[in-house]
Every structure is written in C-alpha cells, then in structure tokens.
C-alpha cells in the first residue's frame, strides 16, 4: 500500500500542464471550472468530442476545492491519483475474485511496473478513470463467477453494474469496450438475476449524460455522435491491415505483463475456463487496438486484461525464468538510477561536463534549484532500493522488485529532473511572451496549425482564445504554428516569433494584417 501511494503521488504535482494530453484535459477541467458549461467538454470555448466528461468534472471540483492551497493544474491532476488508487484497489479485488489471494498481491505490483501505465497514471488523463471502472466491473464479474455458495453474487452484480455504467461517462465507447467484456460473467453462471440487476444499474448510468446532452444541447450531442461514428468507420474500414508500429507499441507498453500473460495462458492451456473473462477482454481490446491508431493510449484497454492474465501465473514462473526476470529488473533499474543521479550532478555541478552540455542544449536557459526535500527523498528512495537487494527468495520477489524499481526511477526523475522536464514541456513561457507582444486591443485572432494542446495552454495561461482562419472572418491578427523556415503569408507582417525552450523545429508566429 505504501509503495502504491508513493508511486501514485510522485510527480502529480509541481509542474505546469505539459503539451498534448496533460494540457488538453487540464484545459477542459479549467473550462468547466471557470466558464460554467459543465455539460460538454470544450477546449478554449470550442467543443471537444474526443472525450467524455466524468474525469474532468472530478478534476474541476478538485481544482476548485484546493484552489487556495494549490495551483489549479496541480489540484486537478489529483483526479488521476484518485482514479489510479481506485484502479489498483479494484484490480486487486478482481484478481482475488478470479484467481485467488496470491494474484491479488501480484496484480497491483504488475500494474505499477507496466511501462504503458507510467505516464498516464501521473498526468491529467480520463483513460485512467475508464480503467478504474473497468477494473471494478471485472471485480464484480469475478464475484458473480464464484457463485451463490460464497454469498457474493448480489454484491458482484452491483459492482459490475456501477463499473459498466460509469466506464462510459469516464472514457466513452472505449470504456464500454473495457468493462463490457465482463458482461458475459453472469451468463456463464446462468445467473440471470445478477445479469438483470447489473443491467438495471448500468443502463441509467450510461444513459444519464447522453439524455441530458440531448435535451439541453442537441447540437453538441450530434457533434459527439458524429465524431464517434467517424472513429468507428475509420477503424473498421479505412485502416485495414495494422501498422508495424502496433506491434512495437504493444511490446514496450505492455512490458512486462505481456510475456507473463502469455506464460499464464500456456500454464492454463488445458483449463482456460478460469481465464475466460480476462481472455475475452483481451480479445475485444485487441480488436479495437489493431484496427485503431498507433498512439500510446490505443493500447490502454489491453493492459487491464493482460495484467489479470499475468497475475494468474506470475507466482508460478519457473525458477530460471523468475530469477532472470528478477536479475534483469534489479540490474536495469540500478543502472538507470545511477544515470539519473549523474544527470542531477550534471545539472547542479556541471559534472560530467558532456552530460551537462547535453542538458543545456535540450533545455536552454534552465536554472536548476533543488530543494532539501527533493534531495533527501531521492537519497532515501535510493537507499531503500539498495536494501531491497537483500530480499529473501520468494515467488513474489521478482514482481515486488520490478514494481519497486519502477517506483524508484519515477521518484528519482520527479525529484531530480522534474524542473528540467517542465522547462521544456510547458507552454507557459511562450504564452507569456505572446501576451507581452500583443497590443491591448486586438479584436479576434485567427489561427493556422495551432493544435488542441496549444489552444488549451493559451487559454489556461493567458486567457487567449483564437478562431479558425476562414474566409468568413477578417481578423487583423493571425497566430501560426510552423517550422523555423516559415515565411510571412502575402498581405501579412510578422509581429512576433516564439517557441518552447526545448523545441528545435516548432515555431509560433504572430502576423498582423497589412493595411
């Protein structure tokens, strides 16, 4: 429990919204909090149908509740910590119900050590909420499969219903795919009462947000529905044969649960019934993953069933495989820990000089300022890691060591490198520079090539909103994102240029229309 708390809390606070997912979802939560439109996600005032609203509601409420103590983005990101804790807790319960007590200890440790979960569990990310409710559904399904002899089907049906029902407002259709794999559990037991009860609980929860949206803002509902129809059509028709990147993504994002899950399937090859629910979940998630995009989050639905499959067999790894897994983890994490400390030395002491030069090139102008808390925490976690080398031999040691090693590296990075990373990934500096360059009265500002994360950051940091460049608008100012060789369009004069400190190619240009 202490390991999980340390893992979930490290790095959630203490940095700006980072480009892409983190900036987008903090921007949506900030929009809910400041502009009062809680019904549908918006980025800088424009509808954003790519996500469902539940995570952002919680993030906005946390941002308001802790507004006097924390910056909004730090408080809002605590929603990820809450949903991450629910995920690990429900995952342990699901593993216990499906595979027994030993699996309930292994499953959260495997999740902590899974590479594809590392960043999403520490940024503003609604997929974590979908994962948490899907894990709750798996827990309920596992209890139903235990049968009436254990006196838990009613509780299982309620948990299945709540998990399935809230997975939709948490993560949309993907959430339903993740949690819906558990729905056959009462059918396997021919427990029709549990099935009916689960559906009676789930359906109102699924329908509540669409009904409110349809009644109060039908145009936004049509927007959301059209976007998902396009996504499904593109996945089933246009993408065809999966790209090679899918396999590459799966191998690293699902490490180490993927090879252990394959071992578990081999171990139970003559009796797959106990693995039926996570196996079905893996098949459904694989279909979505292979026909979808090759972005990192596309593999997310696979990680829950893979973790449950791996938990069923990780304690039964053969001694040679277990020792190799243990030794590889201990060696790899120790080497990377030393490299992180070297990086910290390079930033603070300019030694080794070559590494220090590389840090300066990647984040020009960054000034390191280590707090006593950061240094002491990094030293303590490193000493604890060295103490873990003497853990007694046991079936659970490789799993615990891997989770501990992942936590070690993440804590070291957040204590020693966080300000350097933040310097390069935040849009704060470029937004403030743009604000200084803009005259007080600009009227509308049209945009070209400005992405969602950039728009969210501009709105969050300086309250600037742009509109798409079209012939129907005659704005005197145009904001353009391009490369460093960008030339001013005909009829426009360059007024300002800026970029993030670590960005080598992307440049922002502010043009003024020539009179």
Protein backbone atom coordinates (compact mmCIF):
# COMPACT_ATOMS: atom_id res chain seq x y z
CA UNK A 1 0.00 0.00 0.00
CA UNK A 2 2.85 2.40 0.85
CA UNK A 3 4.56 1.56 -2.43
CA UNK A 4 1.34 2.25 -4.35
CA UNK A 5 0.80 5.57 -2.56
CA UNK A 6 4.37 6.68 -3.26
CA UNK A 7 4.08 5.66 -6.90
CA UNK A 8 0.74 7.42 -7.45
CA UNK A 9 1.65 10.68 -5.71
CA UNK A 10 5.14 11.21 -7.11
CA UNK A 11 5.20 13.73 -9.94
CA UNK A 12 1.49 14.50 -9.99
CA UNK A 13 2.08 18.00 -8.64
CA UNK A 14 4.84 20.53 -9.04
CA UNK A 15 4.80 21.16 -12.78
CA UNK A 16 2.81 23.02 -15.42
CA UNK A 17 0.36 21.36 -17.82
CA UNK A 18 2.56 19.54 -20.31
CA UNK A 19 2.00 19.51 -24.03
CA UNK A 20 -0.54 17.11 -25.55
CA UNK A 21 -2.78 15.05 -23.23
CA UNK A 22 -1.99 16.77 -19.92
CA UNK A 23 -2.59 20.27 -21.28
CA UNK A 24 -5.76 19.23 -23.12
CA UNK A 25 -7.50 17.65 -20.15
CA UNK A 26 -6.45 20.30 -17.65
CA UNK A 27 -7.74 22.85 -20.14
CA UNK A 28 -11.12 21.09 -20.29
CA UNK A 29 -11.37 20.89 -16.49
CA UNK A 30 -10.38 24.55 -16.21
CA UNK A 31 -13.09 25.44 -18.72
CA UNK A 32 -15.69 23.62 -16.61
CA UNK A 33 -14.50 25.44 -13.51
CA UNK A 34 -14.25 28.97 -14.89
CA UNK A 35 -16.92 29.19 -17.59
CA UNK A 36 -19.69 27.11 -16.04
CA UNK A 37 -20.54 24.91 -19.03
CA UNK A 38 -20.33 21.52 -17.29
CA UNK A 39 -22.32 19.54 -19.82
CA UNK A 40 -19.83 19.01 -22.63
CA UNK A 41 -16.01 19.20 -22.87
CA UNK A 42 -14.64 22.32 -24.53
CA UNK A 43 -11.13 23.48 -25.36
CA UNK A 44 -10.77 27.25 -25.35
CA UNK A 45 -14.51 27.60 -25.87
CA UNK A 46 -14.79 25.12 -28.76
CA UNK A 47 -16.48 21.69 -28.40
CA UNK A 48 -14.11 18.75 -27.97
CA UNK A 49 -15.97 15.47 -28.66
CA UNK A 50 -12.88 13.28 -28.29
CA UNK A 51 -13.51 12.61 -24.61
CA UNK A 52 -16.26 12.02 -22.05
CA UNK A 53 -16.76 14.43 -19.13
CA UNK A 54 -16.67 12.45 -15.85
CA UNK A 55 -12.94 12.73 -15.23
CA UNK A 56 -12.98 16.46 -15.98
CA UNK A 57 -15.91 17.03 -13.61
CA UNK A 58 -13.91 15.49 -10.77
CA UNK A 59 -10.75 17.35 -11.78
CA UNK A 60 -12.62 20.67 -11.91
CA UNK A 61 -14.16 20.10 -8.48
CA UNK A 62 -10.74 19.26 -7.02
CA UNK A 63 -9.28 22.35 -8.66
CA UNK A 64 -11.95 24.47 -7.01
CA UNK A 65 -11.73 22.70 -3.64
CA UNK A 66 -7.96 23.12 -3.31
CA UNK A 67 -7.71 26.41 -5.18
CA UNK A 68 -6.47 28.26 -2.11
CA UNK A 69 -3.67 25.77 -1.46
CA UNK A 70 -2.56 24.56 -4.89
CA UNK A 71 -2.41 25.81 -8.45
CA UNK A 72 -5.46 24.66 -10.37
CA UNK A 73 -3.50 22.24 -12.57
CA UNK A 74 -1.82 20.57 -9.58
CA UNK A 75 -5.12 20.14 -7.76
CA UNK A 76 -6.94 18.96 -10.88
CA UNK A 77 -4.31 16.30 -11.51
CA UNK A 78 -5.21 14.73 -8.16
CA UNK A 79 -8.21 13.26 -10.01
CA UNK A 80 -5.72 10.94 -11.68
CA UNK A 81 -4.37 9.94 -8.27
CA UNK A 82 -7.88 9.17 -7.00
CA UNK A 83 -8.85 7.14 -10.05
CA UNK A 84 -5.43 5.48 -10.06
CA UNK A 85 -5.93 4.39 -6.45
CA UNK A 86 -9.39 3.05 -7.32
CA UNK A 87 -7.88 1.18 -10.26
CA UNK A 88 -5.20 -0.54 -8.16
CA UNK A 89 -7.70 -1.36 -5.39
CA UNK A 90 -10.30 -2.75 -7.80
CA UNK A 91 -7.59 -4.59 -9.73
CA UNK A 92 -6.52 -6.38 -6.54
CA UNK A 93 -10.14 -7.28 -5.83
CA UNK A 94 -10.69 -8.55 -9.36
CA UNK A 95 -7.53 -10.67 -9.24
CA UNK A 96 -8.59 -12.12 -5.88
CA UNK A 97 -12.07 -12.98 -7.14
CA UNK A 98 -10.79 -14.51 -10.37
CA UNK A 99 -7.53 -16.18 -9.35
CA UNK A 100 -7.12 -16.19 -5.56
CA UNK A 101 -5.28 -14.34 -2.82
CA UNK A 102 -1.78 -14.60 -4.29
CA UNK A 103 -2.92 -12.95 -7.52
CA UNK A 104 -4.46 -10.05 -5.58
CA UNK A 105 -0.99 -9.15 -4.29
CA UNK A 106 0.69 -9.56 -7.66
CA UNK A 107 -1.79 -7.68 -9.86
CA UNK A 108 -1.27 -4.14 -8.45
CA UNK A 109 2.51 -4.67 -8.44
CA UNK A 110 2.40 -5.75 -12.08
CA UNK A 111 0.33 -2.68 -12.95
CA UNK A 112 2.76 -0.35 -11.17
CA UNK A 113 5.59 -1.89 -13.17
CA UNK A 114 3.84 -1.76 -16.55
CA UNK A 115 5.56 0.81 -18.77
CA UNK A 116 2.43 1.86 -20.66
CA UNK A 117 0.72 2.92 -17.42
CA UNK A 118 3.57 5.01 -16.06
CA UNK A 119 2.86 8.39 -17.67
CA UNK A 120 -0.96 8.16 -17.87
CA UNK A 121 -1.13 7.48 -14.12
CA UNK A 122 0.69 10.76 -13.47
CA UNK A 123 -0.89 13.21 -15.92
CA UNK A 124 -4.40 14.53 -16.44
CA UNK A 125 -5.84 11.51 -18.22
CA UNK A 126 -9.52 10.40 -18.38
CA UNK A 127 -8.46 6.96 -19.62
CA UNK A 128 -7.37 6.22 -16.04
CA UNK A 129 -10.96 6.75 -14.87
CA UNK A 130 -12.17 4.34 -17.55
CA UNK A 131 -9.56 1.83 -16.44
CA UNK A 132 -10.65 2.15 -12.80
CA UNK A 133 -14.32 1.49 -13.53
CA UNK A 134 -13.46 -1.35 -15.89
CA UNK A 135 -11.43 -2.94 -13.08
CA UNK A 136 -14.45 -2.52 -10.80
CA UNK A 137 -16.57 -4.33 -13.40
CA UNK A 138 -14.02 -7.17 -13.52
CA UNK A 139 -14.17 -7.41 -9.74
CA UNK A 140 -17.94 -7.68 -9.86
CA UNK A 141 -17.77 -10.28 -12.62
CA UNK A 142 -15.29 -12.32 -10.60
CA UNK A 143 -17.60 -12.30 -7.59
CA UNK A 144 -20.52 -13.44 -9.75
CA UNK A 145 -18.43 -16.32 -11.10
CA UNK A 146 -17.79 -17.52 -7.54
CA UNK A 147 -21.46 -18.46 -7.36
CA UNK A 148 -24.11 -18.26 -4.63
CA UNK A 149 -22.16 -20.60 -2.36
CA UNK A 150 -19.93 -17.66 -1.44
CA UNK A 151 -22.88 -15.31 -0.92
CA UNK A 152 -21.46 -12.60 -3.19
CA UNK A 153 -23.41 -12.54 -6.50
CA UNK A 154 -25.58 -9.61 -5.39
CA UNK A 155 -22.56 -7.53 -4.46
CA UNK A 156 -20.87 -8.63 -7.67
CA UNK A 157 -23.86 -7.59 -9.78
CA UNK A 158 -23.92 -4.15 -8.18
CA UNK A 159 -20.19 -3.69 -8.77
CA UNK A 160 -20.48 -4.90 -12.35
CA UNK A 161 -23.37 -2.51 -12.97
CA UNK A 162 -21.61 0.50 -11.45
CA UNK A 163 -18.35 -0.28 -13.23
CA UNK A 164 -20.02 -0.76 -16.60
CA UNK A 165 -22.30 2.25 -16.13
CA UNK A 166 -19.58 4.72 -15.13
CA UNK A 167 -17.00 3.46 -17.63
CA UNK A 168 -19.00 5.20 -20.36
CA UNK A 169 -19.07 8.77 -18.96
CA UNK A 170 -15.47 8.20 -17.87
CA UNK A 171 -13.99 7.06 -21.18
CA UNK A 172 -16.76 6.86 -23.77
CA UNK A 173 -17.02 3.91 -26.11
CA UNK A 174 -13.55 2.68 -25.15
CA UNK A 175 -14.68 2.48 -21.54
CA UNK A 176 -17.66 0.37 -22.58
CA UNK A 177 -15.38 -1.97 -24.52
CA UNK A 178 -13.12 -2.41 -21.49
CA UNK A 179 -15.92 -3.01 -19.00
CA UNK A 180 -18.35 -4.72 -21.38
CA UNK A 181 -16.09 -7.77 -21.65
CA UNK A 182 -17.28 -8.75 -18.15
CA UNK A 183 -20.98 -8.78 -19.03
CA UNK A 184 -20.97 -12.50 -20.02
CA UNK A 185 -19.89 -13.46 -16.46
CA UNK A 186 -23.45 -13.96 -15.15
CA UNK A 187 -24.35 -15.71 -18.42
CA UNK A 188 -21.56 -18.24 -17.84
CA UNK A 189 -23.14 -18.98 -14.43
CA UNK A 190 -26.68 -18.76 -15.82
CA UNK A 191 -27.27 -16.24 -13.09
CA UNK A 192 -29.99 -14.24 -14.76
CA UNK A 193 -30.85 -12.27 -11.61
CA UNK A 194 -27.32 -10.89 -11.44
CA UNK A 195 -27.38 -10.07 -15.15
CA UNK A 196 -30.68 -8.20 -14.87
CA UNK A 197 -29.55 -6.35 -11.74
CA UNK A 198 -26.25 -5.34 -13.35
CA UNK A 199 -28.07 -4.00 -16.41
CA UNK A 200 -30.63 -2.17 -14.28
CA UNK A 201 -27.79 -0.40 -12.51
CA UNK A 202 -25.64 0.20 -15.60
CA UNK A 203 -28.15 1.42 -18.16
CA UNK A 204 -29.34 4.54 -16.27
CA UNK A 205 -25.72 5.50 -15.56
CA UNK A 206 -24.84 5.05 -19.23
CA UNK A 207 -27.89 6.96 -20.44
CA UNK A 208 -27.82 9.88 -17.96
CA UNK A 209 -25.23 12.06 -19.71
CA UNK A 210 -26.50 11.48 -23.30
CA UNK A 211 -30.08 12.25 -22.20
CA UNK A 212 -29.02 15.50 -20.51
CA UNK A 213 -26.95 16.42 -23.53
CA UNK A 214 -29.71 15.58 -25.99
CA UNK A 215 -32.29 17.58 -24.07
CA UNK A 216 -30.18 20.66 -23.34
CA UNK A 217 -27.70 20.83 -26.23
CA UNK A 218 -28.78 18.55 -29.10
CA UNK A 219 -26.21 20.09 -31.45
CA UNK A 220 -23.40 19.01 -29.10
CA UNK A 221 -24.86 15.51 -28.88
CA UNK A 222 -24.92 15.35 -32.69
CA UNK A 223 -21.32 16.58 -32.73
CA UNK A 224 -20.23 13.89 -30.26
CA UNK A 225 -22.17 11.15 -32.04
CA UNK A 226 -20.78 12.12 -35.45
CA UNK A 227 -17.23 12.06 -34.15
CA UNK A 228 -17.62 8.53 -32.76
CA UNK A 229 -19.30 7.34 -35.95
CA UNK A 230 -16.31 8.62 -37.90
CA UNK A 231 -13.91 6.93 -35.49
CA UNK A 232 -15.67 3.57 -35.80
CA UNK A 233 -15.93 3.84 -39.57
CA UNK A 234 -12.27 4.71 -39.86
CA UNK A 235 -11.28 1.84 -37.56
CA UNK A 236 -13.36 -0.80 -39.34
CA UNK A 237 -12.98 0.29 -42.95
CA UNK A 238 -10.14 2.66 -43.64
CA UNK A 239 -7.20 1.45 -41.61
CA UNK A 240 -7.17 -2.10 -42.90
CA UNK A 241 -4.07 -4.11 -42.02
CA UNK A 242 -2.49 -2.93 -38.76
CA UNK A 243 0.71 -0.92 -39.00
CA UNK A 244 4.01 -2.38 -37.83
CA UNK A 245 4.04 0.29 -35.14
CA UNK A 246 1.21 -1.54 -33.36
CA UNK A 247 3.46 -4.47 -32.51
CA UNK A 248 6.29 -2.20 -31.45
CA UNK A 249 3.92 -0.21 -29.24
CA UNK A 250 2.41 -3.33 -27.69
CA UNK A 251 5.80 -4.83 -26.83
CA UNK A 252 7.09 -1.86 -24.85
CA UNK A 253 3.81 -0.51 -23.44
CA UNK A 254 2.68 -3.93 -22.16
CA UNK A 255 6.06 -4.86 -20.70
CA UNK A 256 6.37 -6.92 -18.52
CA UNK A 257 2.75 -8.14 -18.35
CA UNK A 258 2.62 -9.30 -21.98
CA UNK A 259 5.21 -12.13 -21.76
CA UNK A 260 3.94 -13.16 -18.32
CA UNK A 261 0.35 -13.25 -19.62
CA UNK A 262 1.48 -15.49 -22.49
CA UNK A 263 3.13 -17.78 -19.93
CA UNK A 264 -0.10 -17.85 -17.90
CA UNK A 265 -2.10 -18.87 -20.95
CA UNK A 266 0.37 -21.66 -21.63
CA UNK A 267 0.21 -22.73 -18.00
CA UNK A 268 -3.60 -22.99 -18.11
CA UNK A 269 -3.82 -24.21 -21.71
CA UNK A 270 -5.76 -27.34 -20.71
CA UNK A 271 -8.16 -25.44 -18.45
CA UNK A 272 -8.89 -21.95 -19.76
CA UNK A 273 -12.25 -21.53 -18.01
CA UNK A 274 -10.79 -19.57 -15.04
CA UNK A 275 -9.26 -17.14 -17.53
CA UNK A 276 -12.40 -16.73 -19.65
CA UNK A 277 -13.28 -13.17 -18.60
CA UNK A 278 -9.81 -11.57 -18.92
CA UNK A 279 -9.25 -13.59 -22.10
CA UNK A 280 -12.46 -12.21 -23.60
CA UNK A 281 -11.41 -8.73 -22.50
CA UNK A 282 -8.06 -9.19 -24.21
CA UNK A 283 -9.71 -10.29 -27.46
CA UNK A 284 -12.11 -7.32 -27.52
CA UNK A 285 -9.37 -4.85 -26.65
CA UNK A 286 -7.05 -6.40 -29.25
CA UNK A 287 -9.66 -5.91 -31.96
CA UNK A 288 -10.01 -2.24 -31.03
CA UNK A 289 -6.25 -1.76 -30.75
CA UNK A 290 -5.33 -3.43 -34.04
CA UNK A 291 -7.92 -1.53 -36.06
CA UNK A 292 -7.27 1.77 -34.33
CA UNK A 293 -4.46 4.27 -34.24
CA UNK A 294 -0.93 3.51 -33.11
CA UNK A 295 -0.93 6.16 -30.36
CA UNK A 296 0.22 5.01 -26.94
CA UNK A 297 -3.26 5.31 -25.41
CA UNK A 298 -4.66 2.89 -28.00
CA UNK A 299 -3.03 0.02 -26.10
CA UNK A 300 -4.66 1.10 -22.82
CA UNK A 301 -7.71 -1.22 -23.00
CA UNK A 302 -5.37 -4.20 -23.36
CA UNK A 303 -3.41 -3.54 -20.19
CA UNK A 304 -6.17 -4.45 -17.71
CA UNK A 305 -6.93 -7.97 -19.04
CA UNK A 306 -3.23 -8.60 -19.69
CA UNK A 307 -2.43 -7.69 -16.08
CA UNK A 308 -5.14 -10.03 -14.77
CA UNK A 309 -3.89 -12.83 -17.01
CA UNK A 310 -0.31 -12.24 -15.87
CA UNK A 311 -1.35 -12.19 -12.20
CA UNK A 312 -2.75 -15.70 -12.54
CA UNK A 313 0.64 -17.17 -13.41
CA UNK A 314 3.42 -14.84 -12.29
CA UNK A 315 3.93 -16.67 -8.98
CA UNK A 316 4.33 -19.93 -10.89
CA UNK A 317 7.14 -18.84 -13.17
CA UNK A 318 9.81 -21.48 -13.43
CA UNK A 319 12.81 -20.81 -11.24
CA UNK A 320 15.11 -19.96 -14.14
CA UNK A 321 12.62 -17.52 -15.67
CA UNK A 322 11.82 -15.96 -12.28
CA UNK A 323 15.50 -15.48 -11.47
CA UNK A 324 16.18 -13.99 -14.90
CA UNK A 325 13.24 -11.58 -14.52
CA UNK A 326 14.44 -10.64 -11.03
CA UNK A 327 18.07 -10.18 -12.05
CA UNK A 328 17.18 -8.22 -15.18
CA UNK A 329 14.96 -5.85 -13.19
CA UNK A 330 17.48 -5.31 -10.42
CA UNK A 331 20.33 -4.66 -12.86
CA UNK A 332 18.37 -2.45 -15.26
CA UNK A 333 16.80 -0.25 -12.60
CA UNK A 334 20.11 0.13 -10.75
CA UNK A 335 21.89 1.26 -13.92
CA UNK A 336 19.18 3.77 -14.78
CA UNK A 337 19.15 5.08 -11.20
CA UNK A 338 22.88 5.81 -11.47
CA UNK A 339 22.28 7.60 -14.78
CA UNK A 340 19.56 9.75 -13.22
CA UNK A 341 21.91 10.73 -10.39
CA UNK A 342 24.59 11.55 -12.97
CA UNK A 343 22.08 13.77 -14.75
CA UNK A 344 21.31 15.54 -11.49
CA UNK A 345 25.02 16.06 -10.87
CA UNK A 346 25.41 17.45 -14.39
CA UNK A 347 22.61 19.95 -13.79
CA UNK A 348 23.75 21.08 -10.35
CA UNK A 349 27.55 20.77 -10.55
CA UNK A 350 28.21 20.76 -14.33
CA UNK A 351 29.85 17.36 -13.94
CA UNK A 352 30.22 15.26 -16.05
CA UNK A 353 30.69 18.18 -18.48
CA UNK A 354 29.49 16.34 -21.59
CA UNK A 355 26.22 15.37 -19.93
CA UNK A 356 25.84 18.92 -18.59
CA UNK A 357 26.24 20.29 -22.13
CA UNK A 358 23.54 17.93 -23.39
CA UNK A 359 21.12 19.09 -20.69
CA UNK A 360 21.80 22.70 -21.62
CA UNK A 361 21.25 22.03 -25.33
CA UNK A 362 17.92 20.31 -24.70
CA UNK A 363 16.60 22.97 -22.31
CA UNK A 364 18.47 26.25 -22.89
CA UNK A 365 18.23 28.73 -20.06
CA UNK A 366 17.07 26.27 -17.44
CA UNK A 367 18.35 27.05 -13.94
CA UNK A 368 18.30 24.11 -11.53
CA UNK A 369 17.09 24.75 -7.97
CA UNK A 370 16.97 21.60 -5.87
CA UNK A 371 15.02 21.70 -2.62
CA UNK A 372 16.18 19.92 0.51
CA UNK A 373 13.04 17.78 0.36
CA UNK A 374 13.85 16.61 -3.18
CA UNK A 375 17.44 15.68 -2.35
CA UNK A 376 16.54 13.88 0.88
CA UNK A 377 13.69 11.99 -0.80
CA UNK A 378 15.94 10.91 -3.66
CA UNK A 379 18.61 9.69 -1.24
CA UNK A 380 16.12 7.80 0.93
CA UNK A 381 14.45 6.06 -2.03
CA UNK A 382 17.88 5.07 -3.37
CA UNK A 383 18.90 3.59 -0.01
CA UNK A 384 15.62 1.68 0.22
CA UNK A 385 16.28 0.28 -3.24
CA UNK A 386 19.69 -0.97 -2.16
CA UNK A 387 18.12 -2.58 0.91
CA UNK A 388 15.69 -4.41 -1.39
CA UNK A 389 18.63 -6.28 -2.91
CA UNK A 390 18.65 -8.49 0.19
CA UNK A 391 15.01 -9.58 -0.05
CA UNK A 392 14.62 -13.25 0.74
CA UNK A 393 13.94 -15.59 -2.14
CA UNK A 394 10.18 -15.97 -2.70
CA UNK A 395 7.74 -16.37 -5.57
CA UNK A 396 6.63 -12.74 -5.16
CA UNK A 397 10.14 -11.23 -5.10
CA UNK A 398 10.54 -10.57 -8.87
CA UNK A 399 7.18 -8.81 -9.06
CA UNK A 400 7.82 -6.70 -5.97
CA UNK A 401 11.32 -5.85 -7.16
CA UNK A 402 10.06 -4.76 -10.59
CA UNK A 403 7.35 -2.53 -9.09
CA UNK A 404 9.87 -1.11 -6.61
CA UNK A 405 12.36 -0.43 -9.40
CA UNK A 406 9.75 1.39 -11.48
CA UNK A 407 8.81 3.48 -8.45
CA UNK A 408 12.48 4.18 -7.73
CA UNK A 409 13.13 5.57 -11.20
CA UNK A 410 9.92 7.59 -11.27
CA UNK A 411 10.57 9.15 -7.86
CA UNK A 412 14.17 9.96 -8.81
CA UNK A 413 13.06 11.59 -12.06
CA UNK A 414 10.37 13.66 -10.32
CA UNK A 415 12.73 14.73 -7.53
CA UNK A 416 15.84 15.43 -9.61
CA UNK A 417 14.76 16.12 -13.19
CA UNK A 418 11.21 17.49 -12.91
CA UNK A 419 12.04 21.19 -13.25
CA UNK A 420 14.25 20.47 -16.27
CA UNK A 421 11.50 18.45 -17.96
CA UNK A 422 8.92 21.10 -17.08
CA UNK A 423 11.10 23.80 -18.60
CA UNK A 424 10.91 22.03 -21.95
CA UNK A 425 7.36 20.66 -21.98
CA UNK A 426 5.38 23.63 -20.67
CA UNK A 427 3.86 26.30 -22.90
CA UNK A 428 3.89 28.88 -20.08
CA UNK A 429 6.94 30.82 -21.28
CA UNK A 430 5.82 31.05 -24.90
CA UNK A 431 2.29 32.04 -23.83
CA UNK A 432 3.56 34.84 -21.59
CA UNK A 433 5.89 36.02 -24.34
CA UNK A 434 2.97 36.16 -26.75
CA UNK A 435 0.88 38.05 -24.21
CA UNK A 436 3.61 40.67 -23.91
CA UNK A 437 3.80 41.04 -27.69
CA UNK A 438 0.06 41.52 -28.19
CA UNK A 439 -1.41 45.02 -28.04
CA UNK A 440 -4.21 45.57 -25.54
CA UNK A 441 -6.93 45.82 -28.19
CA UNK A 442 -6.51 43.14 -30.84
CA UNK A 443 -10.02 42.06 -31.71
CA UNK A 444 -10.23 38.50 -32.96
CA UNK A 445 -7.12 36.38 -33.61
CA UNK A 446 -7.32 33.66 -36.22
CA UNK A 447 -5.14 30.57 -36.10
CA UNK A 448 -3.40 28.21 -38.52
CA UNK A 449 -1.79 24.97 -37.37
CA UNK A 450 -2.40 25.58 -33.66
CA UNK A 451 -3.18 22.21 -32.04
CA UNK A 452 -5.52 21.35 -29.20
CA UNK A 453 -2.82 21.29 -26.51
CA UNK A 454 -1.53 24.68 -27.67
CA UNK A 455 -5.01 26.21 -27.67
CA UNK A 456 -5.72 24.79 -24.22
CA UNK A 457 -2.42 26.18 -22.90
CA UNK A 458 -3.03 29.66 -24.30
CA UNK A 459 -6.48 29.74 -22.73
CA UNK A 460 -5.19 28.41 -19.41
CA UNK A 461 -2.11 30.60 -19.02
CA UNK A 462 -3.21 33.94 -20.53
CA UNK A 463 -6.92 33.56 -21.29
CA UNK A 464 -6.33 33.86 -25.05
CA UNK A 465 -8.80 32.22 -27.43
CA UNK A 466 -8.38 32.03 -31.18
CA UNK A 467 -10.72 31.13 -34.02
CA UNK A 468 -10.04 29.02 -37.13
CA UNK A 469 -8.78 31.01 -40.11
CA UNK A 470 -11.65 31.10 -42.62
CA UNK A 471 -12.88 33.45 -45.29
CA UNK A 472 -15.87 34.38 -43.13
CA UNK A 473 -13.63 36.16 -40.60
CA UNK A 474 -11.47 39.20 -41.24
CA UNK A 475 -9.19 39.24 -38.20
CA UNK A 476 -6.28 41.66 -38.12
CA UNK A 477 -4.09 39.14 -36.31
CA UNK A 478 -3.12 35.58 -37.20
CA UNK A 479 -1.30 33.08 -34.98
CA UNK A 480 0.53 30.36 -36.89
CA UNK A 481 2.43 27.25 -35.78
CA UNK A 482 5.07 26.17 -38.28
CA UNK A 483 8.76 25.39 -38.62
CA UNK A 484 11.65 27.79 -38.27
CA UNK A 485 11.70 28.44 -42.03
CA UNK A 486 8.12 29.76 -42.03
CA UNK A 487 7.61 32.84 -44.20
CA UNK A 488 5.01 35.51 -43.66
CA UNK A 489 1.93 34.97 -45.90
CA UNK A 490 1.16 37.52 -48.56
CA UNK A 491 -0.57 40.50 -47.02
CA UNK A 492 0.74 39.87 -43.51
CA UNK A 493 3.68 41.22 -41.48
CA UNK A 494 5.49 39.23 -38.80
CA UNK A 495 4.97 40.84 -35.38
CA UNK A 496 6.35 38.19 -33.02
CA UNK A 497 8.03 34.79 -33.02
CA UNK A 498 8.39 32.31 -30.14
CA UNK A 499 8.88 28.67 -29.20
CA UNK A 500 9.28 26.38 -26.21
CA UNK A 501 12.90 26.27 -24.96
CA UNK A 502 13.39 22.60 -25.87
CA UNK A 503 11.66 22.80 -29.25
CA UNK A 504 14.05 22.75 -32.20
CA UNK A 505 11.60 22.83 -35.10
CA UNK A 506 8.22 24.15 -33.98
CA UNK A 507 7.86 27.91 -34.06
CA UNK A 508 4.95 30.20 -33.32
CA UNK A 509 4.43 33.31 -35.43
CA UNK A 510 2.10 36.22 -34.82
CA UNK A 511 1.25 38.09 -38.01
CA UNK A 512 -0.53 41.41 -38.42
CA UNK A 513 -2.65 42.07 -41.47
CA UNK A 514 -1.20 44.77 -43.69
CA UNK A 515 -3.43 47.77 -44.15
